[in-house]
Every structure is written in C-alpha cells, then in structure tokens.
Amino acid sequence: MKKIEAIIRPLRLETVKTALAEAGVTGISVSDVRGSGRGGGHMPGTFRGEEYVIRMPAKTKLEIVVRDEDADDVIELLLQHARTGEEGDGWIFVMPALEALRIRTGETGDSVL
C-alpha cells in the first residue's frame, strides 16, 4: 500500500475530489493547512485597491491510501486536476503504508481499503 499526501490549492479541491470519485477512489482525508515552500510563502494580493502580502497562504492537504498498483494512476490524476501552471500549485508526497487496520472489525491489509 502507498500513502499519498498532496498539498494543493483550496480552489482545486472540488475538481480533484470529483476526478478521484470518478476513478473509484473513495477514501480520502482533507485538512486545511498553511505553509510555504521554495517561494517563501509570499503571495501578493489586492483588496479594495490596496496591495498586501499573504505570508503563509492557505492550502488543502489530501491524504489517500491506495493499493500499490493504483498509486501511479492516482498521482497522475492529482497532477492533471490540481495543476494550474502557476507557482504555488503544491506538492505530492508518496510513502509506503506498511499496515492498515479497520478498527470496527479488526481486519487488516488491502481489504481495509
């Protein structure tokens, strides 16, 4: 199993969720986060004619655990639907998920997904 964490723009969440659902991915956790990357987290903006800088822009973190054979498809889907082409589109991290257990039944492994 693989755990995929994606940090994306909040405005791309609905598009990504829809694409994941259409691909049959049903298990997903979503968190609102703030952070900065290579660009330092400085995003200029304008409000009522006044310029300002957002120091730690809001992002959305997705956590998805999938079978090994499904990981590449989910990553491709995230790349396709989260990308705007602008700086600050986010990141995808992939790591092994060694074990999964369903609390209610005690079952383990891929059947939990």
PDB file of N, CA and C in Angstrom:
ATOM      1  N   MET A   1       0.845  -1.182   0.000  1.00  0.00           N
ATOM      2  CA  MET A   1       0.000   0.000   0.000  1.00  0.00           C
ATOM      3  C   MET A   1       0.882   1.233   0.000  1.00  0.00           C
ATOM      4  N   LYS A   2       0.336   2.323  -0.530  1.00  0.00           N
ATOM      5  CA  LYS A   2       1.028   3.612  -0.557  1.00  0.00           C
ATOM      6  C   LYS A   2       0.131   4.670   0.073  1.00  0.00           C
ATOM      7  N   LYS A   3       0.763   5.571   0.803  1.00  0.00           N
ATOM      8  CA  LYS A   3       0.062   6.744   1.310  1.00  0.00           C
ATOM      9  C   LYS A   3       0.502   7.920   0.457  1.00  0.00           C
ATOM     10  N   ILE A   4      -0.472   8.603  -0.123  1.00  0.00           N
ATOM     11  CA  ILE A   4      -0.205   9.757  -0.966  1.00  0.00           C
ATOM     12  C   ILE A   4      -0.712  10.989  -0.235  1.00  0.00           C
ATOM     13  N   GLU A   5       0.185  11.946  -0.011  1.00  0.00           N
ATOM     14  CA  GLU A   5      -0.194  13.221   0.572  1.00  0.00           C
ATOM     15  C   GLU A   5      -0.004  14.273  -0.504  1.00  0.00           C
ATOM     16  N   ALA A   6      -1.020  15.063  -0.726  1.00  0.00           N
ATOM     17  CA  ALA A   6      -0.944  16.126  -1.722  1.00  0.00           C
ATOM     18  C   ALA A   6      -1.329  17.435  -1.061  1.00  0.00           C
ATOM     19  N   ILE A   7      -0.511  18.451  -1.274  1.00  0.00           N
ATOM     20  CA  ILE A   7      -0.805  19.807  -0.817  1.00  0.00           C
ATOM     21  C   ILE A   7      -1.205  20.575  -2.071  1.00  0.00           C
ATOM     22  N   ILE A   8      -2.457  21.036  -2.123  1.00  0.00           N
ATOM     23  CA  ILE A   8      -2.980  21.677  -3.335  1.00  0.00           C
ATOM     24  C   ILE A   8      -3.629  23.020  -2.989  1.00  0.00           C
ATOM     25  N   ARG A   9      -3.972  23.756  -4.025  1.00  0.00           N
ATOM     26  CA  ARG A   9      -4.723  24.999  -3.844  1.00  0.00           C
ATOM     27  C   ARG A   9      -6.147  24.650  -3.407  1.00  0.00           C
ATOM     28  N   PRO A  10      -6.694  25.379  -2.438  1.00  0.00           N
ATOM     29  CA  PRO A  10      -8.063  25.101  -1.995  1.00  0.00           C
ATOM     30  C   PRO A  10      -9.090  25.167  -3.127  1.00  0.00           C
ATOM     31  N   LEU A  11      -8.871  26.033  -4.091  1.00  0.00           N
ATOM     32  CA  LEU A  11      -9.827  26.178  -5.191  1.00  0.00           C
ATOM     33  C   LEU A  11      -9.852  24.967  -6.121  1.00  0.00           C
ATOM     34  N   ARG A  12      -8.846  24.093  -6.039  1.00  0.00           N
ATOM     35  CA  ARG A  12      -8.789  22.903  -6.893  1.00  0.00           C
ATOM     36  C   ARG A  12      -9.401  21.682  -6.215  1.00  0.00           C
ATOM     37  N   LEU A  13      -9.821  21.809  -4.941  1.00  0.00           N
ATOM     38  CA  LEU A  13     -10.298  20.659  -4.183  1.00  0.00           C
ATOM     39  C   LEU A  13     -11.494  19.979  -4.831  1.00  0.00           C
ATOM     40  N   GLU A  14     -12.509  20.713  -5.204  1.00  0.00           N
ATOM     41  CA  GLU A  14     -13.722  20.094  -5.771  1.00  0.00           C
ATOM     42  C   GLU A  14     -13.413  19.369  -7.076  1.00  0.00           C
ATOM     43  N   THR A  15     -12.580  19.958  -7.913  1.00  0.00           N
ATOM     44  CA  THR A  15     -12.190  19.319  -9.172  1.00  0.00           C
ATOM     45  C   THR A  15     -11.452  18.014  -8.907  1.00  0.00           C
ATOM     46  N   VAL A  16     -10.525  18.048  -7.952  1.00  0.00           N
ATOM     47  CA  VAL A  16      -9.747  16.858  -7.618  1.00  0.00           C
ATOM     48  C   VAL A  16     -10.644  15.788  -6.996  1.00  0.00           C
ATOM     49  N   LYS A  17     -11.515  16.172  -6.058  1.00  0.00           N
ATOM     50  CA  LYS A  17     -12.416  15.201  -5.425  1.00  0.00           C
ATOM     51  C   LYS A  17     -13.315  14.530  -6.444  1.00  0.00           C
ATOM     52  N   THR A  18     -13.848  15.293  -7.381  1.00  0.00           N
ATOM     53  CA  THR A  18     -14.711  14.735  -8.422  1.00  0.00           C
ATOM     54  C   THR A  18     -13.942  13.732  -9.274  1.00  0.00           C
ATOM     55  N   ALA A  19     -12.734  14.092  -9.675  1.00  0.00           N
ATOM     56  CA  ALA A  19     -11.920  13.193 -10.501  1.00  0.00           C
ATOM     57  C   ALA A  19     -11.561  11.925  -9.733  1.00  0.00           C
ATOM     58  N   LEU A  20     -11.236  12.045  -8.452  1.00  0.00           N
ATOM     59  CA  LEU A  20     -10.927  10.862  -7.646  1.00  0.00           C
ATOM     60  C   LEU A  20     -12.149   9.948  -7.532  1.00  0.00           C
ATOM     61  N   ALA A  21     -13.308  10.533  -7.289  1.00  0.00           N
ATOM     62  CA  ALA A  21     -14.537   9.738  -7.169  1.00  0.00           C
ATOM     63  C   ALA A  21     -14.843   9.015  -8.469  1.00  0.00           C
ATOM     64  N   GLU A  22     -14.681   9.683  -9.602  1.00  0.00           N
ATOM     65  CA  GLU A  22     -14.925   9.061 -10.898  1.00  0.00           C
ATOM     66  C   GLU A  22     -13.956   7.909 -11.163  1.00  0.00           C
ATOM     67  N   ALA A  23     -12.760   7.995 -10.562  1.00  0.00           N
ATOM     68  CA  ALA A  23     -11.759   6.937 -10.729  1.00  0.00           C
ATOM     69  C   ALA A  23     -11.948   5.812  -9.710  1.00  0.00           C
ATOM     70  N   GLY A  24     -12.934   5.956  -8.829  1.00  0.00           N
ATOM     71  CA  GLY A  24     -13.215   4.909  -7.859  1.00  0.00           C
ATOM     72  C   GLY A  24     -12.474   5.043  -6.542  1.00  0.00           C
ATOM     73  N   VAL A  25     -11.798   6.172  -6.331  1.00  0.00           N
ATOM     74  CA  VAL A  25     -11.100   6.402  -5.070  1.00  0.00           C
ATOM     75  C   VAL A  25     -12.103   7.010  -4.097  1.00  0.00           C
ATOM     76  N   THR A  26     -12.415   6.273  -3.035  1.00  0.00           N
ATOM     77  CA  THR A  26     -13.440   6.742  -2.107  1.00  0.00           C
ATOM     78  C   THR A  26     -12.868   7.190  -0.765  1.00  0.00           C
ATOM     79  N   GLY A  27     -11.729   6.667  -0.355  1.00  0.00           N
ATOM     80  CA  GLY A  27     -11.160   7.015   0.940  1.00  0.00           C
ATOM     81  C   GLY A  27     -10.200   8.177   0.828  1.00  0.00           C
ATOM     82  N   ILE A  28     -10.554   9.316   1.422  1.00  0.00           N
ATOM     83  CA  ILE A  28      -9.718  10.500   1.351  1.00  0.00           C
ATOM     84  C   ILE A  28      -9.933  11.324   2.612  1.00  0.00           C
ATOM     85  N   SER A  29      -8.856  11.860   3.146  1.00  0.00           N
ATOM     86  CA  SER A  29      -8.933  12.795   4.270  1.00  0.00           C
ATOM     87  C   SER A  29      -8.482  14.152   3.772  1.00  0.00           C
ATOM     88  N   VAL A  30      -9.165  15.199   4.213  1.00  0.00           N
ATOM     89  CA  VAL A  30      -8.869  16.559   3.759  1.00  0.00           C
ATOM     90  C   VAL A  30      -8.657  17.447   4.975  1.00  0.00           C
ATOM     91  N   SER A  31      -7.584  18.239   4.934  1.00  0.00           N
ATOM     92  CA  SER A  31      -7.275  19.181   6.017  1.00  0.00           C
ATOM     93  C   SER A  31      -6.945  20.538   5.416  1.00  0.00           C
ATOM     94  N   ASP A  32      -7.339  21.585   6.124  1.00  0.00           N
ATOM     95  CA  ASP A  32      -6.922  22.936   5.761  1.00  0.00           C
ATOM     96  C   ASP A  32      -5.594  23.207   6.452  1.00  0.00           C
ATOM     97  N   VAL A  33      -4.589  23.619   5.669  1.00  0.00           N
ATOM     98  CA  VAL A  33      -3.254  23.858   6.209  1.00  0.00           C
ATOM     99  C   VAL A  33      -2.731  25.191   5.692  1.00  0.00           C
ATOM    100  N   ARG A  34      -1.658  25.647   6.276  1.00  0.00           N
ATOM    101  CA  ARG A  34      -0.948  26.837   5.810  1.00  0.00           C
ATOM    102  C   ARG A  34       0.517  26.470   5.722  1.00  0.00           C
ATOM    103  N   GLY A  35       1.237  27.098   4.804  1.00  0.00           N
ATOM    104  CA  GLY A  35       2.651  26.798   4.717  1.00  0.00           C
ATOM    105  C   GLY A  35       3.330  27.559   3.603  1.00  0.00           C
ATOM    106  N   SER A  36       4.619  27.340   3.504  1.00  0.00           N
ATOM    107  CA  SER A  36       5.388  27.986   2.452  1.00  0.00           C
ATOM    108  C   SER A  36       6.400  26.997   1.906  1.00  0.00           C
ATOM    109  N   GLY A  37       6.770  27.211   0.688  1.00  0.00           N
ATOM    110  CA  GLY A  37       7.736  26.354   0.017  1.00  0.00           C
ATOM    111  C   GLY A  37       8.899  27.160  -0.490  1.00  0.00           C
ATOM    112  N   ARG A  38       9.358  26.816  -1.658  1.00  0.00           N
ATOM    113  CA  ARG A  38      10.520  27.452  -2.255  1.00  0.00           C
ATOM    114  C   ARG A  38      10.335  28.957  -2.419  1.00  0.00           C
ATOM    115  N   GLY A  39       9.104  29.374  -2.704  1.00  0.00           N
ATOM    116  CA  GLY A  39       8.826  30.797  -2.909  1.00  0.00           C
ATOM    117  C   GLY A  39       8.733  31.603  -1.624  1.00  0.00           C
ATOM    118  N   GLY A  40       8.853  30.943  -0.478  1.00  0.00           N
ATOM    119  CA  GLY A  40       8.837  31.653   0.793  1.00  0.00           C
ATOM    120  C   GLY A  40       7.454  31.950   1.314  1.00  0.00           C
ATOM    121  N   GLY A  41       6.422  31.586   0.580  1.00  0.00           N
ATOM    122  CA  GLY A  41       5.064  31.795   1.055  1.00  0.00           C
ATOM    123  C   GLY A  41       4.550  33.201   0.907  1.00  0.00           C
ATOM    124  N   HIS A  42       5.234  34.016   0.145  1.00  0.00           N
ATOM    125  CA  HIS A  42       4.784  35.396  -0.040  1.00  0.00           C
ATOM    126  C   HIS A  42       3.947  35.491  -1.307  1.00  0.00           C
ATOM    127  N   MET A  43       2.654  35.729  -1.136  1.00  0.00           N
ATOM    128  CA  MET A  43       1.762  35.868  -2.281  1.00  0.00           C
ATOM    129  C   MET A  43       1.167  37.269  -2.266  1.00  0.00           C
ATOM    130  N   PRO A  44       1.469  38.077  -3.285  1.00  0.00           N
ATOM    131  CA  PRO A  44       0.885  39.416  -3.319  1.00  0.00           C
ATOM    132  C   PRO A  44      -0.596  39.355  -3.678  1.00  0.00           C
ATOM    133  N   GLY A  45      -1.338  40.302  -3.165  1.00  0.00           N
ATOM    134  CA  GLY A  45      -2.760  40.394  -3.473  1.00  0.00           C
ATOM    135  C   GLY A  45      -3.212  41.834  -3.423  1.00  0.00           C
ATOM    136  N   THR A  46      -4.436  42.071  -3.846  1.00  0.00           N
ATOM    137  CA  THR A  46      -5.008  43.406  -3.803  1.00  0.00           C
ATOM    138  C   THR A  46      -6.407  43.309  -3.221  1.00  0.00           C
ATOM    139  N   PHE A  47      -6.728  44.197  -2.292  1.00  0.00           N
ATOM    140  CA  PHE A  47      -8.052  44.256  -1.695  1.00  0.00           C
ATOM    141  C   PHE A  47      -8.449  45.712  -1.599  1.00  0.00           C
ATOM    142  N   ARG A  48      -9.554  46.054  -2.269  1.00  0.00           N
ATOM    143  CA  ARG A  48     -10.048  47.437  -2.291  1.00  0.00           C
ATOM    144  C   ARG A  48      -8.973  48.428  -2.708  1.00  0.00           C
ATOM    145  N   GLY A  49      -8.194  48.015  -3.702  1.00  0.00           N
ATOM    146  CA  GLY A  49      -7.175  48.893  -4.259  1.00  0.00           C
ATOM    147  C   GLY A  49      -5.874  48.937  -3.486  1.00  0.00           C
ATOM    148  N   GLU A  50      -5.818  48.283  -2.350  1.00  0.00           N
ATOM    149  CA  GLU A  50      -4.603  48.253  -1.535  1.00  0.00           C
ATOM    150  C   GLU A  50      -3.867  46.938  -1.750  1.00  0.00           C
ATOM    151  N   GLU A  51      -2.560  47.020  -1.925  1.00  0.00           N
ATOM    152  CA  GLU A  51      -1.767  45.808  -2.082  1.00  0.00           C
ATOM    153  C   GLU A  51      -1.372  45.265  -0.715  1.00  0.00           C
ATOM    154  N   TYR A  52      -1.302  43.949  -0.607  1.00  0.00           N
ATOM    155  CA  TYR A  52      -0.887  43.294   0.624  1.00  0.00           C
ATOM    156  C   TYR A  52      -0.162  42.007   0.263  1.00  0.00           C
ATOM    157  N   VAL A  53       0.493  41.403   1.234  1.00  0.00           N
ATOM    158  CA  VAL A  53       1.218  40.162   1.013  1.00  0.00           C
ATOM    159  C   VAL A  53       0.699  39.121   2.004  1.00  0.00           C
ATOM    160  N   ILE A  54       0.345  37.945   1.488  1.00  0.00           N
ATOM    161  CA  ILE A  54      -0.040  36.818   2.330  1.00  0.00           C
ATOM    162  C   ILE A  54       1.243  36.073   2.668  1.00  0.00           C
ATOM    163  N   ARG A  55       1.569  35.989   3.940  1.00  0.00           N
ATOM    164  CA  ARG A  55       2.836  35.376   4.364  1.00  0.00           C
ATOM    165  C   ARG A  55       2.804  33.848   4.359  1.00  0.00           C
ATOM    166  N   MET A  56       1.708  33.280   4.763  1.00  0.00           N
ATOM    167  CA  MET A  56       1.568  31.817   4.807  1.00  0.00           C
ATOM    168  C   MET A  56       0.242  31.471   4.139  1.00  0.00           C
ATOM    169  N   PRO A  57       0.253  31.271   2.831  1.00  0.00           N
ATOM    170  CA  PRO A  57      -1.013  31.053   2.129  1.00  0.00           C
ATOM    171  C   PRO A  57      -1.726  29.769   2.547  1.00  0.00           C
ATOM    172  N   ALA A  58      -3.044  29.812   2.486  1.00  0.00           N
ATOM    173  CA  ALA A  58      -3.867  28.645   2.807  1.00  0.00           C
ATOM    174  C   ALA A  58      -3.729  27.609   1.703  1.00  0.00           C
ATOM    175  N   LYS A  59      -3.615  26.357   2.099  1.00  0.00           N
ATOM    176  CA  LYS A  59      -3.557  25.222   1.178  1.00  0.00           C
ATOM    177  C   LYS A  59      -4.488  24.137   1.700  1.00  0.00           C
ATOM    178  N   THR A  60      -4.697  23.131   0.900  1.00  0.00           N
ATOM    179  CA  THR A  60      -5.509  21.988   1.297  1.00  0.00           C
ATOM    180  C   THR A  60      -4.638  20.743   1.200  1.00  0.00           C
ATOM    181  N   LYS A  61      -4.671  19.939   2.252  1.00  0.00           N
ATOM    182  CA  LYS A  61      -3.879  18.715   2.288  1.00  0.00           C
ATOM    183  C   LYS A  61      -4.806  17.521   2.127  1.00  0.00           C
ATOM    184  N   LEU A  62      -4.497  16.688   1.143  1.00  0.00           N
ATOM    185  CA  LEU A  62      -5.237  15.456   0.901  1.00  0.00           C
ATOM    186  C   LEU A  62      -4.375  14.284   1.339  1.00  0.00           C
ATOM    187  N   GLU A  63      -4.972  13.325   2.015  1.00  0.00           N
ATOM    188  CA  GLU A  63      -4.281  12.095   2.387  1.00  0.00           C
ATOM    189  C   GLU A  63      -5.095  10.929   1.847  1.00  0.00           C
ATOM    190  N   ILE A  64      -4.432  10.097   1.029  1.00  0.00           N
ATOM    191  CA  ILE A  64      -5.100   8.992   0.355  1.00  0.00           C
ATOM    192  C   ILE A  64      -4.217   7.758   0.493  1.00  0.00           C
ATOM    193  N   VAL A  65      -4.795   6.641   0.919  1.00  0.00           N
ATOM    194  CA  VAL A  65      -4.059   5.379   0.963  1.00  0.00           C
ATOM    195  C   VAL A  65      -4.656   4.475  -0.105  1.00  0.00           C
ATOM    196  N   VAL A  66      -3.779   3.963  -0.987  1.00  0.00           N
ATOM    197  CA  VAL A  66      -4.231   3.142  -2.112  1.00  0.00           C
ATOM    198  C   VAL A  66      -3.365   1.894  -2.223  1.00  0.00           C
ATOM    199  N   ARG A  67      -3.852   0.927  -2.974  1.00  0.00           N
ATOM    200  CA  ARG A  67      -3.059  -0.262  -3.282  1.00  0.00           C
ATOM    201  C   ARG A  67      -1.863   0.163  -4.140  1.00  0.00           C
ATOM    202  N   ASP A  68      -0.777  -0.579  -4.036  1.00  0.00           N
ATOM    203  CA  ASP A  68       0.429  -0.239  -4.796  1.00  0.00           C
ATOM    204  C   ASP A  68       0.141  -0.060  -6.279  1.00  0.00           C
ATOM    205  N   GLU A  69      -0.683  -0.946  -6.830  1.00  0.00           N
ATOM    206  CA  GLU A  69      -0.947  -0.900  -8.278  1.00  0.00           C
ATOM    207  C   GLU A  69      -1.801   0.301  -8.690  1.00  0.00           C
ATOM    208  N   ASP A  70      -2.454   0.969  -7.753  1.00  0.00           N
ATOM    209  CA  ASP A  70      -3.292   2.133  -8.069  1.00  0.00           C
ATOM    210  C   ASP A  70      -2.572   3.466  -7.864  1.00  0.00           C
ATOM    211  N   ALA A  71      -1.403   3.437  -7.239  1.00  0.00           N
ATOM    212  CA  ALA A  71      -0.721   4.675  -6.859  1.00  0.00           C
ATOM    213  C   ALA A  71      -0.384   5.557  -8.059  1.00  0.00           C
ATOM    214  N   ASP A  72       0.182   4.995  -9.112  1.00  0.00           N
ATOM    215  CA  ASP A  72       0.577   5.802 -10.269  1.00  0.00           C
ATOM    216  C   ASP A  72      -0.627   6.479 -10.911  1.00  0.00           C
ATOM    217  N   ASP A  73      -1.764   5.787 -10.988  1.00  0.00           N
ATOM    218  CA  ASP A  73      -2.962   6.373 -11.574  1.00  0.00           C
ATOM    219  C   ASP A  73      -3.476   7.542 -10.728  1.00  0.00           C
ATOM    220  N   VAL A  74      -3.451   7.385  -9.405  1.00  0.00           N
ATOM    221  CA  VAL A  74      -3.909   8.461  -8.522  1.00  0.00           C
ATOM    222  C   VAL A  74      -2.970   9.657  -8.615  1.00  0.00           C
ATOM    223  N   ILE A  75      -1.680   9.419  -8.672  1.00  0.00           N
ATOM    224  CA  ILE A  75      -0.711  10.506  -8.803  1.00  0.00           C
ATOM    225  C   ILE A  75      -0.930  11.254 -10.106  1.00  0.00           C
ATOM    226  N   GLU A  76      -1.106  10.545 -11.190  1.00  0.00           N
ATOM    227  CA  GLU A  76      -1.361  11.184 -12.488  1.00  0.00           C
ATOM    228  C   GLU A  76      -2.635  12.013 -12.453  1.00  0.00           C
ATOM    229  N   LEU A  77      -3.657  11.472 -11.827  1.00  0.00           N
ATOM    230  CA  LEU A  77      -4.922  12.189 -11.696  1.00  0.00           C
ATOM    231  C   LEU A  77      -4.730  13.481 -10.895  1.00  0.00           C
ATOM    232  N   LEU A  78      -3.975  13.411  -9.794  1.00  0.00           N
ATOM    233  CA  LEU A  78      -3.702  14.610  -8.992  1.00  0.00           C
ATOM    234  C   LEU A  78      -2.924  15.644  -9.805  1.00  0.00           C
ATOM    235  N   LEU A  79      -1.917  15.189 -10.526  1.00  0.00           N
ATOM    236  CA  LEU A  79      -1.138  16.113 -11.355  1.00  0.00           C
ATOM    237  C   LEU A  79      -2.019  16.811 -12.384  1.00  0.00           C
ATOM    238  N   GLN A  80      -2.895  16.053 -12.995  1.00  0.00           N
ATOM    239  CA  GLN A  80      -3.742  16.595 -14.056  1.00  0.00           C
ATOM    240  C   GLN A  80      -4.776  17.589 -13.520  1.00  0.00           C
ATOM    241  N   HIS A  81      -5.405  17.277 -12.389  1.00  0.00           N
ATOM    242  CA  HIS A  81      -6.532  18.080 -11.931  1.00  0.00           C
ATOM    243  C   HIS A  81      -6.177  19.148 -10.898  1.00  0.00           C
ATOM    244  N   ALA A  82      -5.002  19.061 -10.276  1.00  0.00           N
ATOM    245  CA  ALA A  82      -4.604  20.079  -9.299  1.00  0.00           C
ATOM    246  C   ALA A  82      -3.739  21.168  -9.930  1.00  0.00           C
ATOM    247  N   ARG A  83      -3.214  20.906 -11.102  1.00  0.00           N
ATOM    248  CA  ARG A  83      -2.272  21.826 -11.743  1.00  0.00           C
ATOM    249  C   ARG A  83      -2.980  23.024 -12.369  1.00  0.00           C
ATOM    250  N   THR A  84      -2.451  24.219 -12.071  1.00  0.00           N
ATOM    251  CA  THR A  84      -2.902  25.431 -12.757  1.00  0.00           C
ATOM    252  C   THR A  84      -1.801  25.987 -13.652  1.00  0.00           C
ATOM    253  N   GLY A  85      -0.559  25.559 -13.390  1.00  0.00           N
ATOM    254  CA  GLY A  85       0.584  26.066 -14.138  1.00  0.00           C
ATOM    255  C   GLY A  85       1.223  27.272 -13.486  1.00  0.00           C
ATOM    256  N   GLU A  86       0.646  27.732 -12.382  1.00  0.00           N
ATOM    257  CA  GLU A  86       1.167  28.893 -11.664  1.00  0.00           C
ATOM    258  C   GLU A  86       2.009  28.431 -10.478  1.00  0.00           C
ATOM    259  N   GLU A  87       2.909  29.292 -10.033  1.00  0.00           N
ATOM    260  CA  GLU A  87       3.686  28.999  -8.839  1.00  0.00           C
ATOM    261  C   GLU A  87       2.747  28.810  -7.652  1.00  0.00           C
ATOM    262  N   GLY A  88       3.024  27.812  -6.830  1.00  0.00           N
ATOM    263  CA  GLY A  88       2.184  27.555  -5.664  1.00  0.00           C
ATOM    264  C   GLY A  88       1.144  26.479  -5.883  1.00  0.00           C
ATOM    265  N   ASP A  89       1.258  25.711  -6.978  1.00  0.00           N
ATOM    266  CA  ASP A  89       0.306  24.626  -7.237  1.00  0.00           C
ATOM    267  C   ASP A  89       0.378  23.533  -6.180  1.00  0.00           C
ATOM    268  N   GLY A  90       1.533  23.333  -5.544  1.00  0.00           N
ATOM    269  CA  GLY A  90       1.621  22.383  -4.449  1.00  0.00           C
ATOM    270  C   GLY A  90       2.605  21.265  -4.676  1.00  0.00           C
ATOM    271  N   TRP A  91       2.444  20.185  -3.877  1.00  0.00           N
ATOM    272  CA  TRP A  91       3.357  19.058  -3.876  1.00  0.00           C
ATOM    273  C   TRP A  91       2.585  17.762  -3.709  1.00  0.00           C
ATOM    274  N   ILE A  92       3.224  16.678  -4.125  1.00  0.00           N
ATOM    275  CA  ILE A  92       2.701  15.340  -3.877  1.00  0.00           C
ATOM    276  C   ILE A  92       3.832  14.538  -3.236  1.00  0.00           C
ATOM    277  N   PHE A  93       3.514  13.889  -2.125  1.00  0.00           N
ATOM    278  CA  PHE A  93       4.473  13.037  -1.436  1.00  0.00           C
ATOM    279  C   PHE A  93       3.912  11.616  -1.427  1.00  0.00           C
ATOM    280  N   VAL A  94       4.772  10.645  -1.713  1.00  0.00           N
ATOM    281  CA  VAL A  94       4.356   9.244  -1.745  1.00  0.00           C
ATOM    282  C   VAL A  94       5.248   8.470  -0.784  1.00  0.00           C
ATOM    283  N   MET A  95       4.611   7.687   0.089  1.00  0.00           N
ATOM    284  CA  MET A  95       5.368   6.896   1.051  1.00  0.00           C
ATOM    285  C   MET A  95       4.703   5.538   1.232  1.00  0.00           C
ATOM    286  N   PRO A  96       5.449   4.565   1.673  1.00  0.00           N
ATOM    287  CA  PRO A  96       4.835   3.262   1.903  1.00  0.00           C
ATOM    288  C   PRO A  96       3.900   3.307   3.113  1.00  0.00           C
ATOM    289  N   ALA A  97       2.798   2.593   3.012  1.00  0.00           N
ATOM    290  CA  ALA A  97       1.891   2.381   4.139  1.00  0.00           C
ATOM    291  C   ALA A  97       2.052   0.912   4.512  1.00  0.00           C
ATOM    292  N   LEU A  98       2.675   0.655   5.617  1.00  0.00           N
ATOM    293  CA  LEU A  98       3.059  -0.714   5.978  1.00  0.00           C
ATOM    294  C   LEU A  98       1.893  -1.573   6.410  1.00  0.00           C
ATOM    295  N   GLU A  99       0.903  -0.977   7.026  1.00  0.00           N
ATOM    296  CA  GLU A  99      -0.202  -1.765   7.569  1.00  0.00           C
ATOM    297  C   GLU A  99      -1.447  -0.886   7.620  1.00  0.00           C
ATOM    298  N   ALA A 100      -2.591  -1.498   7.421  1.00  0.00           N
ATOM    299  CA  ALA A 100      -3.878  -0.810   7.587  1.00  0.00           C
ATOM    300  C   ALA A 100      -4.788  -1.736   8.386  1.00  0.00           C
ATOM    301  N   LEU A 101      -5.468  -1.173   9.347  1.00  0.00           N
ATOM    302  CA  LEU A 101      -6.379  -1.955  10.190  1.00  0.00           C
ATOM    303  C   LEU A 101      -7.702  -1.220  10.302  1.00  0.00           C
ATOM    304  N   ARG A 102      -8.775  -1.952  10.163  1.00  0.00           N
ATOM    305  CA  ARG A 102     -10.108  -1.377  10.376  1.00  0.00           C
ATOM    306  C   ARG A 102     -10.448  -1.560  11.853  1.00  0.00           C
ATOM    307  N   ILE A 103     -10.684  -0.486  12.545  1.00  0.00           N
ATOM    308  CA  ILE A 103     -10.917  -0.531  13.981  1.00  0.00           C
ATOM    309  C   ILE A 103     -12.160  -1.353  14.330  1.00  0.00           C
ATOM    310  N   ARG A 104     -13.240  -1.151  13.599  1.00  0.00           N
ATOM    311  CA  ARG A 104     -14.506  -1.822  13.921  1.00  0.00           C
ATOM    312  C   ARG A 104     -14.406  -3.336  13.864  1.00  0.00           C
ATOM    313  N   THR A 105     -13.756  -3.871  12.811  1.00  0.00           N
ATOM    314  CA  THR A 105     -13.747  -5.321  12.600  1.00  0.00           C
ATOM    315  C   THR A 105     -12.416  -5.998  12.913  1.00  0.00           C
ATOM    316  N   GLY A 106     -11.354  -5.202  12.954  1.00  0.00           N
ATOM    317  CA  GLY A 106     -10.030  -5.772  13.168  1.00  0.00           C
ATOM    318  C   GLY A 106      -9.372  -6.309  11.921  1.00  0.00           C
ATOM    319  N   GLU A 107     -10.057  -6.251  10.761  1.00  0.00           N
ATOM    320  CA  GLU A 107      -9.451  -6.775   9.526  1.00  0.00           C
ATOM    321  C   GLU A 107      -8.256  -5.911   9.142  1.00  0.00           C
ATOM    322  N   THR A 108      -7.345  -6.511   8.372  1.00  0.00           N
ATOM    323  CA  THR A 108      -6.094  -5.838   8.010  1.00  0.00           C
ATOM    324  C   THR A 108      -5.831  -5.948   6.522  1.00  0.00           C
ATOM    325  N   GLY A 109      -4.838  -5.168   6.070  1.00  0.00           N
ATOM    326  CA  GLY A 109      -4.365  -5.266   4.698  1.00  0.00           C
ATOM    327  C   GLY A 109      -5.210  -4.515   3.690  1.00  0.00           C
ATOM    328  N   ASP A 110      -5.076  -4.909   2.421  1.00  0.00           N
ATOM    329  CA  ASP A 110      -5.752  -4.241   1.312  1.00  0.00           C
ATOM    330  C   ASP A 110      -7.274  -4.279   1.430  1.00  0.00           C
ATOM    331  N   SER A 111      -7.812  -5.265   2.129  1.00  0.00           N
ATOM    332  CA  SER A 111      -9.270  -5.352   2.251  1.00  0.00           C
ATOM    333  C   SER A 111      -9.852  -4.171   3.028  1.00  0.00           C
ATOM    334  N   VAL A 112      -9.023  -3.509   3.806  1.00  0.00           N
ATOM    335  CA  VAL A 112      -9.468  -2.337   4.567  1.00  0.00           C
ATOM    336  C   VAL A 112      -9.763  -1.170   3.631  1.00  0.00           C
ATOM    337  N   LEU A 113      -9.053  -1.138   2.524  1.00  0.00           N
ATOM    338  CA  LEU A 113      -9.220  -0.030   1.580  1.00  0.00           C
ATOM    339  C   LEU A 113     -10.510  -0.212   0.816  1.00  0.00           C
TER     340      LEU A 113
END
